[in-house]
ModelCIF file with pLDDT and N, C-alpha, C, O atoms, coordinates in Angstrom:
data_MODEL
#
_entry.id   MODEL 
#
_entity.id                         1 
_entity.type                       polymer 
_entity.pdbx_number_of_molecules   1 
#
_entity_poly.entity_id                      1 
_entity_poly.type                           'polypeptide(L)' 
_entity_poly.nstd_linkage                   no 
_entity_poly.nstd_monomer                   no 
_entity_poly.pdbx_seq_one_letter_code       
;(UNK)(UNK)(UNK)(UNK)(UNK)(UNK)(UNK)(UNK)(UNK)(UNK)(UNK)(UNK)(UNK)(UNK)(UNK)(UNK)
(UNK)(UNK)(UNK)(UNK)(UNK)(UNK)(UNK)(UNK)(UNK)(UNK)(UNK)(UNK)(UNK)(UNK)(UNK)(UNK)
(UNK)(UNK)(UNK)(UNK)
;
_entity_poly.pdbx_seq_one_letter_code_can   XXXXXXXXXXXXXXXXXXXXXXXXXXXXXXXXXXXX 
_entity_poly.pdbx_strand_id                 A 
#
loop_
_entity_poly_seq.entity_id 
_entity_poly_seq.num 
_entity_poly_seq.mon_id 
_entity_poly_seq.hetero 
1 1  UNK n 
1 2  UNK n 
1 3  UNK n 
1 4  UNK n 
1 5  UNK n 
1 6  UNK n 
1 7  UNK n 
1 8  UNK n 
1 9  UNK n 
1 10 UNK n 
1 11 UNK n 
1 12 UNK n 
1 13 UNK n 
1 14 UNK n 
1 15 UNK n 
1 16 UNK n 
1 17 UNK n 
1 18 UNK n 
1 19 UNK n 
1 20 UNK n 
1 21 UNK n 
1 22 UNK n 
1 23 UNK n 
1 24 UNK n 
1 25 UNK n 
1 26 UNK n 
1 27 UNK n 
1 28 UNK n 
1 29 UNK n 
1 30 UNK n 
1 31 UNK n 
1 32 UNK n 
1 33 UNK n 
1 34 UNK n 
1 35 UNK n 
1 36 UNK n 
#
_struct_asym.id          A 
_struct_asym.entity_id   1 
#
loop_
_ma_qa_metric.id 
_ma_qa_metric.mode 
_ma_qa_metric.name 
_ma_qa_metric.software_group_id 
_ma_qa_metric.type 
1 global pLDDT . pLDDT 
2 local  pLDDT . pLDDT 
#
_ma_qa_metric_global.metric_id      1 
_ma_qa_metric_global.metric_value   88.58 
_ma_qa_metric_global.model_id       1 
_ma_qa_metric_global.ordinal_id     1 
#
loop_
_ma_qa_metric_local.label_asym_id 
_ma_qa_metric_local.label_comp_id 
_ma_qa_metric_local.label_seq_id 
_ma_qa_metric_local.metric_id 
_ma_qa_metric_local.metric_value 
_ma_qa_metric_local.model_id 
_ma_qa_metric_local.ordinal_id 
A UNK 1  2 85.00 1 1  
A UNK 2  2 81.00 1 2  
A UNK 3  2 84.00 1 3  
A UNK 4  2 83.00 1 4  
A UNK 5  2 84.00 1 5  
A UNK 6  2 82.00 1 6  
A UNK 7  2 81.00 1 7  
A UNK 8  2 85.00 1 8  
A UNK 9  2 85.00 1 9  
A UNK 10 2 90.00 1 10 
A UNK 11 2 89.00 1 11 
A UNK 12 2 91.00 1 12 
A UNK 13 2 91.00 1 13 
A UNK 14 2 94.00 1 14 
A UNK 15 2 93.00 1 15 
A UNK 16 2 93.00 1 16 
A UNK 17 2 93.00 1 17 
A UNK 18 2 93.00 1 18 
A UNK 19 2 93.00 1 19 
A UNK 20 2 92.00 1 20 
A UNK 21 2 90.00 1 21 
A UNK 22 2 90.00 1 22 
A UNK 23 2 91.00 1 23 
A UNK 24 2 90.00 1 24 
A UNK 25 2 88.00 1 25 
A UNK 26 2 84.00 1 26 
A UNK 27 2 85.00 1 27 
A UNK 28 2 88.00 1 28 
A UNK 29 2 90.00 1 29 
A UNK 30 2 88.00 1 30 
A UNK 31 2 89.00 1 31 
A UNK 32 2 91.00 1 32 
A UNK 33 2 91.00 1 33 
A UNK 34 2 90.00 1 34 
A UNK 35 2 90.00 1 35 
A UNK 36 2 92.00 1 36 
#
loop_
_atom_site.group_PDB 
_atom_site.id 
_atom_site.type_symbol 
_atom_site.label_atom_id 
_atom_site.label_alt_id 
_atom_site.label_comp_id 
_atom_site.label_asym_id 
_atom_site.label_entity_id 
_atom_site.label_seq_id 
_atom_site.pdbx_PDB_ins_code 
_atom_site.Cartn_x 
_atom_site.Cartn_y 
_atom_site.Cartn_z 
_atom_site.occupancy 
_atom_site.B_iso_or_equiv 
_atom_site.pdbx_formal_charge 
_atom_site.auth_seq_id 
_atom_site.auth_comp_id 
_atom_site.auth_asym_id 
_atom_site.auth_atom_id 
_atom_site.pdbx_PDB_model_num 
ATOM 1   N N  . UNK A 1 1  ? 111.537 106.594 102.831 1.00 85.00 ? 1  UNK A N  1 
ATOM 2   C CA . UNK A 1 1  ? 112.375 107.403 103.815 1.00 85.00 ? 1  UNK A CA 1 
ATOM 3   C C  . UNK A 1 1  ? 113.840 107.066 103.490 1.00 85.00 ? 1  UNK A C  1 
ATOM 4   O O  . UNK A 1 1  ? 114.190 105.891 103.381 1.00 85.00 ? 1  UNK A O  1 
ATOM 5   N N  . UNK A 1 2  ? 114.609 107.984 103.351 1.00 81.00 ? 2  UNK A N  1 
ATOM 6   C CA . UNK A 1 2  ? 116.014 107.802 102.920 1.00 81.00 ? 2  UNK A CA 1 
ATOM 7   C C  . UNK A 1 2  ? 116.335 107.945 101.502 1.00 81.00 ? 2  UNK A C  1 
ATOM 8   O O  . UNK A 1 2  ? 117.502 107.939 101.112 1.00 81.00 ? 2  UNK A O  1 
ATOM 9   N N  . UNK A 1 3  ? 115.268 108.083 100.667 1.00 84.00 ? 3  UNK A N  1 
ATOM 10  C CA . UNK A 1 3  ? 115.581 108.211 99.244  1.00 84.00 ? 3  UNK A CA 1 
ATOM 11  C C  . UNK A 1 3  ? 116.053 109.714 98.939  1.00 84.00 ? 3  UNK A C  1 
ATOM 12  O O  . UNK A 1 3  ? 115.773 110.652 99.685  1.00 84.00 ? 3  UNK A O  1 
ATOM 13  N N  . UNK A 1 4  ? 116.740 109.828 97.852  1.00 83.00 ? 4  UNK A N  1 
ATOM 14  C CA . UNK A 1 4  ? 117.210 111.098 97.417  1.00 83.00 ? 4  UNK A CA 1 
ATOM 15  C C  . UNK A 1 4  ? 116.070 112.058 97.188  1.00 83.00 ? 4  UNK A C  1 
ATOM 16  O O  . UNK A 1 4  ? 115.036 111.698 96.625  1.00 83.00 ? 4  UNK A O  1 
ATOM 17  N N  . UNK A 1 5  ? 116.278 113.341 97.653  1.00 84.00 ? 5  UNK A N  1 
ATOM 18  C CA . UNK A 1 5  ? 115.191 114.421 97.399  1.00 84.00 ? 5  UNK A CA 1 
ATOM 19  C C  . UNK A 1 5  ? 114.714 114.456 96.032  1.00 84.00 ? 5  UNK A C  1 
ATOM 20  O O  . UNK A 1 5  ? 113.516 114.600 95.784  1.00 84.00 ? 5  UNK A O  1 
ATOM 21  N N  . UNK A 1 6  ? 115.685 114.318 95.044  1.00 82.00 ? 6  UNK A N  1 
ATOM 22  C CA . UNK A 1 6  ? 115.385 114.526 93.631  1.00 82.00 ? 6  UNK A CA 1 
ATOM 23  C C  . UNK A 1 6  ? 114.355 113.377 93.164  1.00 82.00 ? 6  UNK A C  1 
ATOM 24  O O  . UNK A 1 6  ? 113.601 113.576 92.212  1.00 82.00 ? 6  UNK A O  1 
ATOM 25  N N  . UNK A 1 7  ? 114.361 112.178 93.876  1.00 81.00 ? 7  UNK A N  1 
ATOM 26  C CA . UNK A 1 7  ? 113.490 111.105 93.486  1.00 81.00 ? 7  UNK A CA 1 
ATOM 27  C C  . UNK A 1 7  ? 112.046 111.268 94.141  1.00 81.00 ? 7  UNK A C  1 
ATOM 28  O O  . UNK A 1 7  ? 111.102 110.536 93.844  1.00 81.00 ? 7  UNK A O  1 
ATOM 29  N N  . UNK A 1 8  ? 111.981 112.272 95.035  1.00 85.00 ? 8  UNK A N  1 
ATOM 30  C CA . UNK A 1 8  ? 110.649 112.382 95.814  1.00 85.00 ? 8  UNK A CA 1 
ATOM 31  C C  . UNK A 1 8  ? 109.677 113.483 95.114  1.00 85.00 ? 8  UNK A C  1 
ATOM 32  O O  . UNK A 1 8  ? 108.602 113.803 95.622  1.00 85.00 ? 8  UNK A O  1 
ATOM 33  N N  . UNK A 1 9  ? 110.114 113.974 94.021  1.00 85.00 ? 9  UNK A N  1 
ATOM 34  C CA . UNK A 1 9  ? 109.337 114.957 93.369  1.00 85.00 ? 9  UNK A CA 1 
ATOM 35  C C  . UNK A 1 9  ? 108.429 114.250 92.361  1.00 85.00 ? 9  UNK A C  1 
ATOM 36  O O  . UNK A 1 9  ? 108.887 113.736 91.340  1.00 85.00 ? 9  UNK A O  1 
ATOM 37  N N  . UNK A 1 10 ? 107.090 114.236 92.685  1.00 90.00 ? 10 UNK A N  1 
ATOM 38  C CA . UNK A 1 10 ? 106.128 113.525 91.753  1.00 90.00 ? 10 UNK A CA 1 
ATOM 39  C C  . UNK A 1 10 ? 104.888 114.354 91.700  1.00 90.00 ? 10 UNK A C  1 
ATOM 40  O O  . UNK A 1 10 ? 104.186 114.503 92.700  1.00 90.00 ? 10 UNK A O  1 
ATOM 41  N N  . UNK A 1 11 ? 104.606 114.901 90.533  1.00 89.00 ? 11 UNK A N  1 
ATOM 42  C CA . UNK A 1 11 ? 103.439 115.721 90.430  1.00 89.00 ? 11 UNK A CA 1 
ATOM 43  C C  . UNK A 1 11 ? 102.122 115.095 90.357  1.00 89.00 ? 11 UNK A C  1 
ATOM 44  O O  . UNK A 1 11 ? 101.099 115.770 90.477  1.00 89.00 ? 11 UNK A O  1 
ATOM 45  N N  . UNK A 1 12 ? 102.099 113.672 90.141  1.00 91.00 ? 12 UNK A N  1 
ATOM 46  C CA . UNK A 1 12 ? 100.972 112.974 90.024  1.00 91.00 ? 12 UNK A CA 1 
ATOM 47  C C  . UNK A 1 12 ? 100.871 112.030 91.304  1.00 91.00 ? 12 UNK A C  1 
ATOM 48  O O  . UNK A 1 12 ? 99.976  111.187 91.360  1.00 91.00 ? 12 UNK A O  1 
ATOM 49  N N  . UNK A 1 13 ? 101.658 112.159 92.178  1.00 91.00 ? 13 UNK A N  1 
ATOM 50  C CA . UNK A 1 13 ? 101.632 111.413 93.493  1.00 91.00 ? 13 UNK A CA 1 
ATOM 51  C C  . UNK A 1 13 ? 102.465 110.096 93.392  1.00 91.00 ? 13 UNK A C  1 
ATOM 52  O O  . UNK A 1 13 ? 103.294 109.907 92.501  1.00 91.00 ? 13 UNK A O  1 
ATOM 53  N N  . UNK A 1 14 ? 102.199 109.277 94.299  1.00 94.00 ? 14 UNK A N  1 
ATOM 54  C CA . UNK A 1 14 ? 103.000 107.994 94.480  1.00 94.00 ? 14 UNK A CA 1 
ATOM 55  C C  . UNK A 1 14 ? 102.063 106.819 94.669  1.00 94.00 ? 14 UNK A C  1 
ATOM 56  O O  . UNK A 1 14 ? 101.170 106.789 95.515  1.00 94.00 ? 14 UNK A O  1 
ATOM 57  N N  . UNK A 1 15 ? 102.348 105.844 93.797  1.00 93.00 ? 15 UNK A N  1 
ATOM 58  C CA . UNK A 1 15 ? 101.473 104.601 93.766  1.00 93.00 ? 15 UNK A CA 1 
ATOM 59  C C  . UNK A 1 15 ? 102.337 103.411 94.452  1.00 93.00 ? 15 UNK A C  1 
ATOM 60  O O  . UNK A 1 15 ? 103.511 103.229 94.126  1.00 93.00 ? 15 UNK A O  1 
ATOM 61  N N  . UNK A 1 16 ? 101.732 102.674 95.348  1.00 93.00 ? 16 UNK A N  1 
ATOM 62  C CA . UNK A 1 16 ? 102.378 101.702 96.147  1.00 93.00 ? 16 UNK A CA 1 
ATOM 63  C C  . UNK A 1 16 ? 101.666 100.335 95.914  1.00 93.00 ? 16 UNK A C  1 
ATOM 64  O O  . UNK A 1 16 ? 100.465 100.202 96.145  1.00 93.00 ? 16 UNK A O  1 
ATOM 65  N N  . UNK A 1 17 ? 102.439 99.343  95.457  1.00 93.00 ? 17 UNK A N  1 
ATOM 66  C CA . UNK A 1 17 ? 101.986 97.981  95.390  1.00 93.00 ? 17 UNK A CA 1 
ATOM 67  C C  . UNK A 1 17 ? 102.731 97.086  96.474  1.00 93.00 ? 17 UNK A C  1 
ATOM 68  O O  . UNK A 1 17 ? 103.905 97.276  96.793  1.00 93.00 ? 17 UNK A O  1 
ATOM 69  N N  . UNK A 1 18 ? 101.914 96.082  97.008  1.00 93.00 ? 18 UNK A N  1 
ATOM 70  C CA . UNK A 1 18 ? 102.550 95.158  97.870  1.00 93.00 ? 18 UNK A CA 1 
ATOM 71  C C  . UNK A 1 18 ? 102.399 93.896  97.212  1.00 93.00 ? 18 UNK A C  1 
ATOM 72  O O  . UNK A 1 18 ? 101.283 93.530  96.845  1.00 93.00 ? 18 UNK A O  1 
ATOM 73  N N  . UNK A 1 19 ? 103.500 93.141  97.015  1.00 93.00 ? 19 UNK A N  1 
ATOM 74  C CA . UNK A 1 19 ? 103.644 91.950  96.214  1.00 93.00 ? 19 UNK A CA 1 
ATOM 75  C C  . UNK A 1 19 ? 103.901 90.807  97.215  1.00 93.00 ? 19 UNK A C  1 
ATOM 76  O O  . UNK A 1 19 ? 104.857 90.827  97.990  1.00 93.00 ? 19 UNK A O  1 
ATOM 77  N N  . UNK A 1 20 ? 102.966 89.772  97.157  1.00 92.00 ? 20 UNK A N  1 
ATOM 78  C CA . UNK A 1 20 ? 103.112 88.593  98.113  1.00 92.00 ? 20 UNK A CA 1 
ATOM 79  C C  . UNK A 1 20 ? 103.546 87.416  97.341  1.00 92.00 ? 20 UNK A C  1 
ATOM 80  O O  . UNK A 1 20 ? 103.560 87.462  96.111  1.00 92.00 ? 20 UNK A O  1 
ATOM 81  N N  . UNK A 1 21 ? 103.883 86.413  97.963  1.00 90.00 ? 21 UNK A N  1 
ATOM 82  C CA . UNK A 1 21 ? 104.420 85.178  97.211  1.00 90.00 ? 21 UNK A CA 1 
ATOM 83  C C  . UNK A 1 21 ? 103.333 84.615  96.225  1.00 90.00 ? 21 UNK A C  1 
ATOM 84  O O  . UNK A 1 21 ? 103.690 84.052  95.190  1.00 90.00 ? 21 UNK A O  1 
ATOM 85  N N  . UNK A 1 22 ? 102.268 84.738  96.483  1.00 90.00 ? 22 UNK A N  1 
ATOM 86  C CA . UNK A 1 22 ? 101.052 84.159  95.587  1.00 90.00 ? 22 UNK A CA 1 
ATOM 87  C C  . UNK A 1 22 ? 101.119 84.964  94.258  1.00 90.00 ? 22 UNK A C  1 
ATOM 88  O O  . UNK A 1 22 ? 100.599 84.497  93.244  1.00 90.00 ? 22 UNK A O  1 
ATOM 89  N N  . UNK A 1 23 ? 101.714 86.096  94.250  1.00 91.00 ? 23 UNK A N  1 
ATOM 90  C CA . UNK A 1 23 ? 101.606 86.891  92.997  1.00 91.00 ? 23 UNK A CA 1 
ATOM 91  C C  . UNK A 1 23 ? 102.791 86.531  92.103  1.00 91.00 ? 23 UNK A C  1 
ATOM 92  O O  . UNK A 1 23 ? 102.834 86.969  90.954  1.00 91.00 ? 23 UNK A O  1 
ATOM 93  N N  . UNK A 1 24 ? 103.638 85.841  92.535  1.00 90.00 ? 24 UNK A N  1 
ATOM 94  C CA . UNK A 1 24 ? 104.863 85.448  91.694  1.00 90.00 ? 24 UNK A CA 1 
ATOM 95  C C  . UNK A 1 24 ? 105.130 83.929  91.745  1.00 90.00 ? 24 UNK A C  1 
ATOM 96  O O  . UNK A 1 24 ? 106.267 83.483  91.588  1.00 90.00 ? 24 UNK A O  1 
ATOM 97  N N  . UNK A 1 25 ? 104.175 83.232  91.943  1.00 88.00 ? 25 UNK A N  1 
ATOM 98  C CA . UNK A 1 25 ? 104.302 81.657  91.828  1.00 88.00 ? 25 UNK A CA 1 
ATOM 99  C C  . UNK A 1 25 ? 104.204 81.198  90.400  1.00 88.00 ? 25 UNK A C  1 
ATOM 100 O O  . UNK A 1 25 ? 103.283 81.595  89.687  1.00 88.00 ? 25 UNK A O  1 
ATOM 101 N N  . UNK A 1 26 ? 105.089 80.409  89.985  1.00 84.00 ? 26 UNK A N  1 
ATOM 102 C CA . UNK A 1 26 ? 105.064 79.798  88.676  1.00 84.00 ? 26 UNK A CA 1 
ATOM 103 C C  . UNK A 1 26 ? 105.128 80.903  87.487  1.00 84.00 ? 26 UNK A C  1 
ATOM 104 O O  . UNK A 1 26 ? 105.909 81.855  87.478  1.00 84.00 ? 26 UNK A O  1 
ATOM 105 N N  . UNK A 1 27 ? 104.304 80.648  86.628  1.00 85.00 ? 27 UNK A N  1 
ATOM 106 C CA . UNK A 1 27 ? 104.232 81.653  85.409  1.00 85.00 ? 27 UNK A CA 1 
ATOM 107 C C  . UNK A 1 27 ? 103.874 83.013  85.807  1.00 85.00 ? 27 UNK A C  1 
ATOM 108 O O  . UNK A 1 27 ? 104.140 83.940  85.042  1.00 85.00 ? 27 UNK A O  1 
ATOM 109 N N  . UNK A 1 28 ? 103.285 83.230  86.953  1.00 88.00 ? 28 UNK A N  1 
ATOM 110 C CA . UNK A 1 28 ? 102.910 84.534  87.309  1.00 88.00 ? 28 UNK A CA 1 
ATOM 111 C C  . UNK A 1 28 ? 104.151 85.455  87.459  1.00 88.00 ? 28 UNK A C  1 
ATOM 112 O O  . UNK A 1 28 ? 104.005 86.675  87.383  1.00 88.00 ? 28 UNK A O  1 
ATOM 113 N N  . UNK A 1 29 ? 105.370 84.896  87.670  1.00 90.00 ? 29 UNK A N  1 
ATOM 114 C CA . UNK A 1 29 ? 106.503 85.718  87.903  1.00 90.00 ? 29 UNK A CA 1 
ATOM 115 C C  . UNK A 1 29 ? 106.866 86.586  86.674  1.00 90.00 ? 29 UNK A C  1 
ATOM 116 O O  . UNK A 1 29 ? 107.214 87.757  86.830  1.00 90.00 ? 29 UNK A O  1 
ATOM 117 N N  . UNK A 1 30 ? 106.787 86.029  85.484  1.00 88.00 ? 30 UNK A N  1 
ATOM 118 C CA . UNK A 1 30 ? 107.131 86.775  84.242  1.00 88.00 ? 30 UNK A CA 1 
ATOM 119 C C  . UNK A 1 30 ? 106.040 87.977  84.102  1.00 88.00 ? 30 UNK A C  1 
ATOM 120 O O  . UNK A 1 30 ? 106.374 89.126  83.811  1.00 88.00 ? 30 UNK A O  1 
ATOM 121 N N  . UNK A 1 31 ? 104.843 87.620  84.318  1.00 89.00 ? 31 UNK A N  1 
ATOM 122 C CA . UNK A 1 31 ? 103.736 88.678  84.158  1.00 89.00 ? 31 UNK A CA 1 
ATOM 123 C C  . UNK A 1 31 ? 103.964 89.873  85.224  1.00 89.00 ? 31 UNK A C  1 
ATOM 124 O O  . UNK A 1 31 ? 103.863 91.063  84.926  1.00 89.00 ? 31 UNK A O  1 
ATOM 125 N N  . UNK A 1 32 ? 104.256 89.426  86.394  1.00 91.00 ? 32 UNK A N  1 
ATOM 126 C CA . UNK A 1 32 ? 104.444 90.409  87.375  1.00 91.00 ? 32 UNK A CA 1 
ATOM 127 C C  . UNK A 1 32 ? 105.644 91.344  87.239  1.00 91.00 ? 32 UNK A C  1 
ATOM 128 O O  . UNK A 1 32 ? 105.550 92.537  87.527  1.00 91.00 ? 32 UNK A O  1 
ATOM 129 N N  . UNK A 1 33 ? 106.838 90.753  86.768  1.00 91.00 ? 33 UNK A N  1 
ATOM 130 C CA . UNK A 1 33 ? 108.053 91.416  86.420  1.00 91.00 ? 33 UNK A CA 1 
ATOM 131 C C  . UNK A 1 33 ? 107.804 92.434  85.236  1.00 91.00 ? 33 UNK A C  1 
ATOM 132 O O  . UNK A 1 33 ? 108.370 93.526  85.203  1.00 91.00 ? 33 UNK A O  1 
ATOM 133 N N  . UNK A 1 34 ? 106.928 92.007  84.276  1.00 90.00 ? 34 UNK A N  1 
ATOM 134 C CA . UNK A 1 34 ? 106.716 92.988  83.080  1.00 90.00 ? 34 UNK A CA 1 
ATOM 135 C C  . UNK A 1 34 ? 105.697 94.051  83.452  1.00 90.00 ? 34 UNK A C  1 
ATOM 136 O O  . UNK A 1 34 ? 105.833 95.213  83.067  1.00 90.00 ? 34 UNK A O  1 
ATOM 137 N N  . UNK A 1 35 ? 104.715 93.669  84.173  1.00 90.00 ? 35 UNK A N  1 
ATOM 138 C CA . UNK A 1 35 ? 103.714 94.608  84.710  1.00 90.00 ? 35 UNK A CA 1 
ATOM 139 C C  . UNK A 1 35 ? 104.303 95.831  85.554  1.00 90.00 ? 35 UNK A C  1 
ATOM 140 O O  . UNK A 1 35 ? 103.891 96.987  85.457  1.00 90.00 ? 35 UNK A O  1 
ATOM 141 N N  . UNK A 1 36 ? 105.218 95.446  86.306  1.00 92.00 ? 36 UNK A N  1 
ATOM 142 C CA . UNK A 1 36 ? 105.776 96.377  87.336  1.00 92.00 ? 36 UNK A CA 1 
ATOM 143 C C  . UNK A 1 36 ? 106.765 97.157  86.473  1.00 92.00 ? 36 UNK A C  1 
ATOM 144 O O  . UNK A 1 36 ? 107.449 98.050  86.972  1.00 92.00 ? 36 UNK A O  1 
#
């Protein structure tokens, strides 16, 4: 909500991830940054 209309056009839908602190602890941070 509030994003530009041009950014809301997606012909394959929208994927949402929810990242919690356990996903970015220690060495997991680098892997999470790269994967996203």
